Amino acid sequence: MANDMKTISILGATGSIGRSSLDVISSLGDSFNIFGLSCHKNIVLLYEQIIQFNPVYAIITDQASYEAFIRQHGEEVNSTKILFGHEGMDIISSNENVSTVIAAITGFPCIYSVLSAIKHNKTILIANKEILVSAGNMIISQLKNSKATILPIDSEHNALLQIILSSGLEYKINDAHYYKNKIKNLVITASGGPFIDYNFKDLQKVIAKDAIKHPTWNMGKKISVDSSTMMNKGLEIIEAKILFNLNIENITAIIHRQSKIHAFVEFFDGTVISHMSNPDMKIPISYAITYPERKFISDGNFFSYDNLTFEEVTQDKFPCYRLAREVAHIGKNSGLILNAANEISVEYFLEDRIAYLDIPNIIEDILESSEIINHDSFDSIIENDKEIRELTKDRIKTKYL
């Protein structure tokens, strides 16, 4: 094997980010090798990926899906070993042969695998904003004590990284002060989601199948709902605060319906530099995979520069965004509370058990009734996350069902 070969594990290989990552890797030739793939329930697609990429391990995290896969295909497909659950996830995140881990799973449970990858000094391409919002400061502290690297593949944070590096600055997520006297403001963009032109009366009628129809991006159900409530953008400004160490007053979001400009960086001399590309997740993913080089050749449509518009985010219309900005000011475990309450609320909404407008009300209710504290260990973070999820479920059952 060549010395510059990258051996990659993809956590969440059957999701939109995972599929795009495999498309990118397929296009880059033989410099990349797949060590591990994981999925939750989509075992049909996982089987196809196993046949195509021949990983050493494939992990299934849903018990029933794992058992169904084993009944149909056995515990080994060609030379790929099929494993179940967290133990398997740890193997593909920490194995000495793995150089790069792509964290493409949404939600807080991804934290276990990311921590394992940090401990074992991997390059981690992270599309999961929830764990940075919930435990960002402790994750950064773990990075300081390792040789691991985190590269964002969310389009907005990847765009910020590209602008910063193109401007002659370094990427220093472990440095609390480096950017504060070099960057004035960070601005990320939002499409506005499917309900940008709805009024309050229209929002009262929204159901789950409406909320997952994103106007410009092809995403999973949970993140599509977050985009529609603007919680996704709220989580992203908190993530930007953690990654780039600016005060929240210097980080904002604006609505850009065309999703062609992904971020701006404002410098103290009055210069504003933007990152532009068609809305294709393969572009930020490819940059992170081949970082710091650009080797991917896009097959996308010609870039059009016309009809670029910008609007302010109306916090009255998007209370989830307001709540996220408030949490960014509060700090401590408030991001954990926000994220856990949101994940449970969105889960109930997707099951058509609560109304769309209940989501921000539930989150605010849980924030107001939960204790704001500092955590000194990952065990306490994980326990607090469980407590908030149970509290949110109980509050929904007693007040909203």
Protein backbone atom coordinates (compact mmCIF):
# COMPACT_ATOMS: atom_id res chain seq x y z
CA MET A 1 0.00 0.00 0.00
CA ALA A 2 1.35 3.45 -0.89
CA ASN A 3 2.45 5.65 1.98
CA ASP A 4 0.04 8.40 0.99
CA MET A 5 -2.97 6.05 0.87
CA LYS A 6 -5.85 7.28 3.02
CA THR A 7 -7.89 4.58 4.71
CA ILE A 8 -11.36 5.84 5.56
CA SER A 9 -14.25 4.80 7.77
CA ILE A 10 -17.66 6.37 7.16
CA LEU A 11 -20.09 6.56 10.07
CA GLY A 12 -23.54 6.81 8.49
CA ALA A 13 -22.60 5.56 5.04
CA THR A 14 -26.19 5.20 3.81
CA GLY A 15 -27.25 8.76 4.64
CA SER A 16 -26.96 11.70 2.26
CA ILE A 17 -23.51 12.77 3.52
CA GLY A 18 -22.25 9.19 3.53
CA ARG A 19 -23.47 8.55 0.00
CA SER A 20 -21.90 11.78 -1.24
CA SER A 21 -18.63 10.89 0.50
CA LEU A 22 -18.52 7.54 -1.29
CA ASP A 23 -19.29 9.25 -4.60
CA VAL A 24 -16.34 11.59 -4.04
CA ILE A 25 -14.01 8.75 -3.04
CA SER A 26 -15.06 6.76 -6.11
CA SER A 27 -14.10 9.66 -8.36
CA LEU A 28 -10.66 10.19 -6.81
CA GLY A 29 -8.98 7.03 -8.01
CA ASP A 30 -7.03 4.48 -6.00
CA SER A 31 -5.52 6.76 -3.33
CA PHE A 32 -8.35 5.93 -0.93
CA ASN A 33 -9.37 2.70 0.70
CA ILE A 34 -12.60 2.04 2.65
CA PHE A 35 -11.97 0.34 5.99
CA GLY A 36 -15.41 0.57 7.60
CA LEU A 37 -19.00 1.54 6.78
CA SER A 38 -21.91 1.88 9.16
CA CYS A 39 -25.65 2.25 8.86
CA HIS A 40 -28.64 2.24 11.19
CA LYS A 41 -31.47 0.60 9.23
CA ASN A 42 -30.86 0.91 5.50
CA ILE A 43 -29.37 -2.57 5.10
CA VAL A 44 -30.37 -2.86 1.43
CA LEU A 45 -28.13 0.06 0.47
CA LEU A 46 -25.43 -1.06 2.92
CA TYR A 47 -25.25 -4.43 1.16
CA GLU A 48 -24.78 -2.67 -2.20
CA GLN A 49 -22.01 -0.53 -0.69
CA ILE A 50 -20.29 -3.59 0.73
CA ILE A 51 -20.27 -5.24 -2.70
CA GLN A 52 -18.91 -2.10 -4.36
CA PHE A 53 -16.30 -0.99 -1.81
CA ASN A 54 -15.38 -4.22 0.00
CA PRO A 55 -14.70 -2.68 3.43
CA VAL A 56 -13.03 -4.69 6.17
CA TYR A 57 -16.04 -4.12 8.46
CA ALA A 58 -19.68 -3.07 8.06
CA ILE A 59 -21.56 -2.03 11.19
CA ILE A 60 -25.33 -2.03 11.72
CA THR A 61 -26.55 -0.15 14.80
CA ASP A 62 -30.24 -1.13 14.81
CA GLN A 63 -30.74 -4.56 16.42
CA ALA A 64 -33.64 -5.71 14.25
CA SER A 65 -31.91 -4.57 11.06
CA TYR A 66 -28.70 -6.33 12.06
CA GLU A 67 -30.55 -9.59 12.70
CA ALA A 68 -32.39 -9.30 9.39
CA PHE A 69 -29.11 -8.70 7.54
CA ILE A 70 -27.42 -11.71 9.19
CA ARG A 71 -30.37 -13.97 8.31
CA GLN A 72 -30.18 -12.93 4.69
CA HIS A 73 -26.43 -12.59 4.09
CA GLY A 74 -24.60 -14.15 7.04
CA GLU A 75 -21.92 -12.65 9.29
CA GLU A 76 -19.53 -12.10 6.40
CA VAL A 77 -20.09 -10.81 2.87
CA ASN A 78 -17.14 -11.66 0.65
CA SER A 79 -14.33 -10.58 3.01
CA THR A 80 -16.37 -7.95 4.91
CA LYS A 81 -17.18 -8.79 8.53
CA ILE A 82 -20.63 -7.67 9.73
CA LEU A 83 -20.73 -6.33 13.29
CA PHE A 84 -23.39 -4.83 15.52
CA GLY A 85 -23.60 -1.65 17.59
CA HIS A 86 -21.19 0.52 19.54
CA GLU A 87 -18.43 -2.07 19.75
CA GLY A 88 -18.28 -2.27 15.98
CA MET A 89 -18.43 1.52 15.65
CA ASP A 90 -15.47 1.80 18.00
CA ILE A 91 -13.46 -0.62 15.87
CA ILE A 92 -13.91 1.34 12.65
CA SER A 93 -13.26 4.66 14.46
CA SER A 94 -10.08 3.61 16.25
CA ASN A 95 -8.33 0.88 14.27
CA GLU A 96 -4.66 1.62 13.65
CA ASN A 97 -5.13 1.19 9.89
CA VAL A 98 -7.70 4.01 9.71
CA SER A 99 -6.40 7.49 8.87
CA THR A 100 -9.70 9.33 8.40
CA VAL A 101 -13.14 9.04 10.00
CA ILE A 102 -16.13 10.72 8.36
CA ALA A 103 -18.77 11.44 11.02
CA ALA A 104 -21.90 11.61 8.87
CA ILE A 105 -24.41 10.57 11.56
CA THR A 106 -26.82 13.20 12.85
CA GLY A 107 -27.63 13.39 16.53
CA PHE A 108 -25.82 13.15 19.86
CA PRO A 109 -24.98 9.39 19.90
CA CYS A 110 -22.22 10.04 17.34
CA ILE A 111 -20.15 11.44 20.23
CA TYR A 112 -18.88 8.02 21.27
CA SER A 113 -17.28 7.31 17.91
CA VAL A 114 -15.86 10.82 17.57
CA LEU A 115 -14.25 10.60 21.01
CA SER A 116 -12.73 7.26 20.07
CA ALA A 117 -11.36 8.75 16.84
CA ILE A 118 -9.86 11.70 18.75
CA LYS A 119 -8.26 9.38 21.29
CA HIS A 120 -6.64 7.43 18.46
CA ASN A 121 -5.39 10.55 16.63
CA LYS A 122 -7.54 10.34 13.50
CA THR A 123 -8.44 13.05 11.03
CA ILE A 124 -12.16 13.51 11.62
CA LEU A 125 -14.39 15.00 8.94
CA ILE A 126 -17.42 16.10 10.87
CA ALA A 127 -20.88 16.76 9.52
CA ASN A 128 -22.45 16.36 12.97
CA LYS A 129 -23.10 19.71 14.59
CA GLU A 130 -25.11 18.30 17.51
CA ILE A 131 -22.10 16.94 19.40
CA LEU A 132 -20.17 20.20 19.05
CA VAL A 133 -23.18 22.13 20.34
CA SER A 134 -23.66 19.70 23.25
CA ALA A 135 -20.04 19.05 24.22
CA GLY A 136 -17.91 21.31 22.05
CA ASN A 137 -15.61 22.73 24.71
CA MET A 138 -14.73 19.29 26.03
CA ILE A 139 -14.20 17.93 22.53
CA ILE A 140 -11.81 20.80 21.79
CA SER A 141 -9.96 20.11 25.05
CA GLN A 142 -9.58 16.47 24.01
CA LEU A 143 -8.15 17.62 20.66
CA LYS A 144 -5.51 19.65 22.50
CA ASN A 145 -4.30 16.48 24.19
CA SER A 146 -4.11 14.43 20.98
CA LYS A 147 -2.75 14.54 17.46
CA ALA A 148 -6.26 14.34 15.99
CA THR A 149 -7.68 16.94 13.62
CA ILE A 150 -11.29 17.95 13.03
CA LEU A 151 -12.29 19.32 9.63
CA PRO A 152 -15.87 20.56 9.15
CA ILE A 153 -17.79 19.33 6.11
CA ASP A 154 -20.99 21.27 6.70
CA SER A 155 -21.11 23.56 3.68
CA GLU A 156 -21.08 26.73 5.81
CA HIS A 157 -18.21 25.86 8.16
CA ASN A 158 -16.20 24.31 5.38
CA ALA A 159 -16.72 27.56 3.43
CA LEU A 160 -15.49 29.58 6.42
CA LEU A 161 -12.43 27.34 6.64
CA GLN A 162 -11.68 27.75 2.93
CA ILE A 163 -12.00 31.55 3.14
CA ILE A 164 -9.78 31.72 6.22
CA LEU A 165 -7.05 29.57 4.68
CA SER A 166 -7.27 31.39 1.33
CA SER A 167 -6.75 34.65 3.22
CA GLY A 168 -3.39 33.52 4.55
CA LEU A 169 -4.54 32.60 8.04
CA GLU A 170 -4.05 29.22 9.69
CA TYR A 171 -6.69 26.78 10.92
CA LYS A 172 -6.36 26.87 14.69
CA ILE A 173 -9.47 25.52 16.38
CA ASN A 174 -7.45 24.82 19.51
CA ASP A 175 -6.44 28.46 19.94
CA ALA A 176 -8.80 30.62 21.99
CA HIS A 177 -7.37 33.93 20.76
CA TYR A 178 -5.91 33.49 17.27
CA TYR A 179 -8.90 34.74 15.24
CA LYS A 180 -10.19 37.46 17.56
CA ASN A 181 -7.77 40.14 16.38
CA LYS A 182 -7.74 38.93 12.77
CA ILE A 183 -11.43 38.46 11.90
CA LYS A 184 -14.19 40.97 12.56
CA ASN A 185 -17.29 38.92 11.71
CA LEU A 186 -18.34 35.53 10.41
CA VAL A 187 -21.55 35.28 8.38
CA ILE A 188 -23.18 32.03 7.28
CA THR A 189 -26.13 31.74 4.94
CA ALA A 190 -29.47 29.96 5.17
CA SER A 191 -31.84 29.07 2.36
CA GLY A 192 -34.80 29.97 4.56
CA GLY A 193 -36.29 26.50 4.18
CA PRO A 194 -39.67 25.60 2.67
CA PHE A 195 -41.68 28.02 4.84
CA ILE A 196 -39.76 31.23 4.31
CA ASP A 197 -42.82 32.99 2.83
CA TYR A 198 -45.38 31.47 5.22
CA ASN A 199 -47.21 33.59 7.76
CA PHE A 200 -48.08 32.43 11.28
CA LYS A 201 -51.48 31.10 10.19
CA ASP A 202 -49.82 29.02 7.46
CA LEU A 203 -47.32 27.56 9.94
CA GLN A 204 -50.15 26.31 12.15
CA LYS A 205 -51.11 23.89 9.36
CA VAL A 206 -47.63 22.49 8.65
CA ILE A 207 -47.19 18.73 8.92
CA ALA A 208 -44.09 16.54 8.74
CA LYS A 209 -44.26 15.74 5.02
CA ASP A 210 -44.21 19.49 4.28
CA ALA A 211 -41.22 20.21 6.51
CA ILE A 212 -38.91 17.65 4.90
CA LYS A 213 -39.19 19.22 1.44
CA HIS A 214 -36.07 21.38 1.40
CA PRO A 215 -36.00 23.84 -1.53
CA THR A 216 -32.31 23.48 -2.49
CA TRP A 217 -30.59 20.68 -0.54
CA ASN A 218 -31.23 16.94 -0.44
CA MET A 219 -30.98 16.10 3.27
CA GLY A 220 -32.29 13.67 5.86
CA LYS A 221 -35.63 14.19 7.60
CA LYS A 222 -34.34 15.51 10.91
CA ILE A 223 -31.97 18.07 9.43
CA SER A 224 -34.66 19.14 6.93
CA VAL A 225 -37.04 19.93 9.80
CA ASP A 226 -34.23 21.81 11.56
CA SER A 227 -33.67 23.81 8.40
CA SER A 228 -37.34 24.72 8.20
CA THR A 229 -37.39 25.97 11.83
CA MET A 230 -33.97 27.63 11.39
CA MET A 231 -32.70 25.56 14.33
CA ASN A 232 -30.12 24.17 11.94
CA LYS A 233 -28.73 27.64 11.45
CA GLY A 234 -28.86 28.28 15.19
CA LEU A 235 -26.82 25.13 15.83
CA GLU A 236 -24.39 26.21 13.12
CA ILE A 237 -23.67 29.60 14.69
CA ILE A 238 -22.92 27.84 17.98
CA GLU A 239 -20.66 25.44 16.09
CA ALA A 240 -18.88 28.37 14.41
CA LYS A 241 -18.32 29.93 17.83
CA ILE A 242 -16.70 26.71 19.05
CA LEU A 243 -14.57 26.14 15.94
CA PHE A 244 -13.34 29.69 15.41
CA ASN A 245 -13.50 31.16 18.94
CA LEU A 246 -15.22 34.45 18.11
CA ASN A 247 -17.88 35.97 20.36
CA ILE A 248 -21.43 35.24 19.30
CA GLU A 249 -21.95 38.98 18.64
CA ASN A 250 -19.50 38.54 15.76
CA ILE A 251 -21.27 35.54 14.22
CA THR A 252 -24.56 35.77 12.40
CA ALA A 253 -26.70 34.19 9.70
CA ILE A 254 -28.52 35.73 6.74
CA ILE A 255 -31.07 34.26 4.36
CA HIS A 256 -29.79 33.57 0.87
CA ARG A 257 -32.47 31.65 -1.00
CA GLN A 258 -30.28 30.51 -3.88
CA SER A 259 -27.81 28.60 -1.60
CA LYS A 260 -24.87 29.59 -3.80
CA ILE A 261 -22.95 31.75 -1.34
CA HIS A 262 -22.28 29.71 1.79
CA ALA A 263 -20.35 32.09 4.02
CA PHE A 264 -18.68 35.48 4.34
CA VAL A 265 -15.70 36.54 6.42
CA GLU A 266 -15.45 40.24 7.29
CA PHE A 267 -11.98 41.56 8.13
CA PHE A 268 -11.09 44.64 10.16
CA ASP A 269 -9.84 46.55 7.12
CA GLY A 270 -13.33 46.50 5.59
CA THR A 271 -12.69 43.58 3.23
CA VAL A 272 -15.45 40.96 2.91
CA ILE A 273 -14.60 37.65 1.24
CA SER A 274 -17.22 35.08 0.31
CA HIS A 275 -17.25 31.44 -0.69
CA MET A 276 -19.47 30.51 -3.63
CA SER A 277 -20.41 27.18 -5.18
CA ASN A 278 -23.46 25.34 -6.42
CA PRO A 279 -25.40 23.62 -3.61
CA ASP A 280 -23.63 20.27 -3.83
CA MET A 281 -22.33 18.59 -0.65
CA LYS A 282 -19.68 16.78 -2.66
CA ILE A 283 -17.77 20.06 -2.92
CA PRO A 284 -17.09 20.63 0.82
CA ILE A 285 -16.72 16.88 1.42
CA SER A 286 -14.11 16.58 -1.32
CA TYR A 287 -12.12 19.54 0.02
CA ALA A 288 -11.97 17.95 3.47
CA ILE A 289 -11.08 14.50 2.09
CA THR A 290 -8.15 15.84 0.02
CA TYR A 291 -7.29 18.73 2.39
CA PRO A 292 -5.40 20.96 1.89
CA GLU A 293 -5.41 20.19 -1.84
CA ARG A 294 -8.27 20.28 -4.35
CA LYS A 295 -8.39 17.09 -6.41
CA PHE A 296 -12.12 16.60 -6.98
CA ILE A 297 -13.54 17.48 -10.40
CA SER A 298 -17.18 18.50 -10.11
CA ASP A 299 -19.65 17.29 -12.71
CA GLY A 300 -22.16 19.92 -11.61
CA ASN A 301 -23.93 22.47 -13.74
CA PHE A 302 -22.30 25.74 -14.82
CA PHE A 303 -22.28 28.27 -11.99
CA SER A 304 -24.74 31.13 -12.53
CA TYR A 305 -24.03 34.48 -10.88
CA ASP A 306 -27.43 36.07 -11.37
CA ASN A 307 -30.27 36.56 -8.88
CA LEU A 308 -28.24 36.51 -5.66
CA THR A 309 -30.41 37.92 -2.87
CA PHE A 310 -30.00 38.39 0.88
CA GLU A 311 -32.46 38.94 3.72
CA GLU A 312 -32.27 39.21 7.48
CA VAL A 313 -33.38 36.30 9.66
CA THR A 314 -36.57 37.38 11.43
CA GLN A 315 -36.24 36.01 14.94
CA ASP A 316 -39.95 36.43 15.67
CA LYS A 317 -40.72 34.14 12.74
CA PHE A 318 -37.91 31.71 13.62
CA PRO A 319 -37.91 31.38 17.42
CA CYS A 320 -35.60 28.35 17.28
CA TYR A 321 -32.89 30.58 15.85
CA ARG A 322 -33.49 33.11 18.64
CA LEU A 323 -33.22 30.38 21.26
CA ALA A 324 -29.94 29.17 19.79
CA ARG A 325 -28.46 32.67 19.90
CA GLU A 326 -29.53 32.99 23.54
CA VAL A 327 -27.90 29.64 24.31
CA ALA A 328 -24.68 30.77 22.62
CA HIS A 329 -24.59 33.66 25.13
CA ILE A 330 -25.37 31.46 28.13
CA GLY A 331 -22.86 28.69 27.43
CA LYS A 332 -22.28 25.92 29.98
CA ASN A 333 -24.68 23.01 29.33
CA SER A 334 -27.35 25.14 27.67
CA GLY A 335 -26.31 23.89 24.21
CA LEU A 336 -26.80 20.32 25.39
CA ILE A 337 -30.27 21.18 26.69
CA LEU A 338 -31.19 22.97 23.46
CA ASN A 339 -30.02 20.10 21.28
CA ALA A 340 -31.56 17.26 23.31
CA ALA A 341 -34.92 19.02 23.61
CA ASN A 342 -34.88 19.78 19.88
CA GLU A 343 -34.00 16.22 18.85
CA ILE A 344 -36.85 14.77 20.90
CA SER A 345 -39.32 17.43 19.73
CA VAL A 346 -38.44 16.85 16.07
CA GLU A 347 -38.78 13.10 16.59
CA TYR A 348 -42.32 13.55 17.91
CA PHE A 349 -43.16 16.00 15.11
CA LEU A 350 -41.95 13.59 12.43
CA GLU A 351 -44.30 11.01 13.95
CA ASP A 352 -47.15 13.57 13.65
CA ARG A 353 -47.64 13.52 17.42
CA ILE A 354 -47.05 17.23 18.07
CA ALA A 355 -47.66 20.36 16.00
CA TYR A 356 -44.93 22.18 14.10
CA LEU A 357 -45.23 25.29 16.29
CA ASP A 358 -44.92 23.15 19.42
CA ILE A 359 -41.22 22.56 18.66
CA PRO A 360 -39.84 25.96 19.82
CA ASN A 361 -42.31 26.10 22.71
CA ILE A 362 -41.15 22.74 24.04
CA ILE A 363 -37.49 23.69 23.70
CA GLU A 364 -37.98 27.00 25.51
CA ASP A 365 -39.99 25.24 28.21
CA ILE A 366 -37.16 22.74 28.81
CA LEU A 367 -34.49 25.44 28.78
CA GLU A 368 -36.37 27.45 31.40
CA SER A 369 -36.95 24.46 33.68
CA SER A 370 -33.48 22.86 33.47
CA GLU A 371 -30.45 23.58 35.61
CA ILE A 372 -27.64 25.44 33.86
CA ILE A 373 -24.32 23.93 34.98
CA ASN A 374 -20.75 23.28 33.88
CA HIS A 375 -19.72 19.70 33.21
CA ASP A 376 -16.30 18.38 34.13
CA SER A 377 -16.49 14.97 32.44
CA PHE A 378 -18.00 13.26 29.41
CA ASP A 379 -19.85 10.88 31.72
CA SER A 380 -21.72 13.81 33.26
CA ILE A 381 -22.49 15.21 29.79
CA ILE A 382 -23.88 11.89 28.62
CA GLU A 383 -25.96 11.52 31.80
CA ASN A 384 -27.29 15.07 31.50
CA ASP A 385 -28.23 14.42 27.87
CA LYS A 386 -30.25 11.37 28.92
CA GLU A 387 -31.97 13.37 31.68
CA ILE A 388 -32.98 16.17 29.29
CA ARG A 389 -34.35 13.72 26.74
CA GLU A 390 -36.49 12.02 29.41
CA LEU A 391 -37.64 15.38 30.75
CA THR A 392 -38.62 16.47 27.24
CA LYS A 393 -40.56 13.26 26.60
CA ASP A 394 -42.40 13.62 29.92
CA ARG A 395 -43.22 17.28 29.23
CA ILE A 396 -44.55 16.45 25.78
CA LYS A 397 -46.73 13.64 27.16
CA THR A 398 -48.19 15.77 29.94
CA LYS A 399 -48.56 19.07 28.12
CA TYR A 400 -48.65 18.57 24.36
CA LEU A 401 -50.24 15.21 23.58
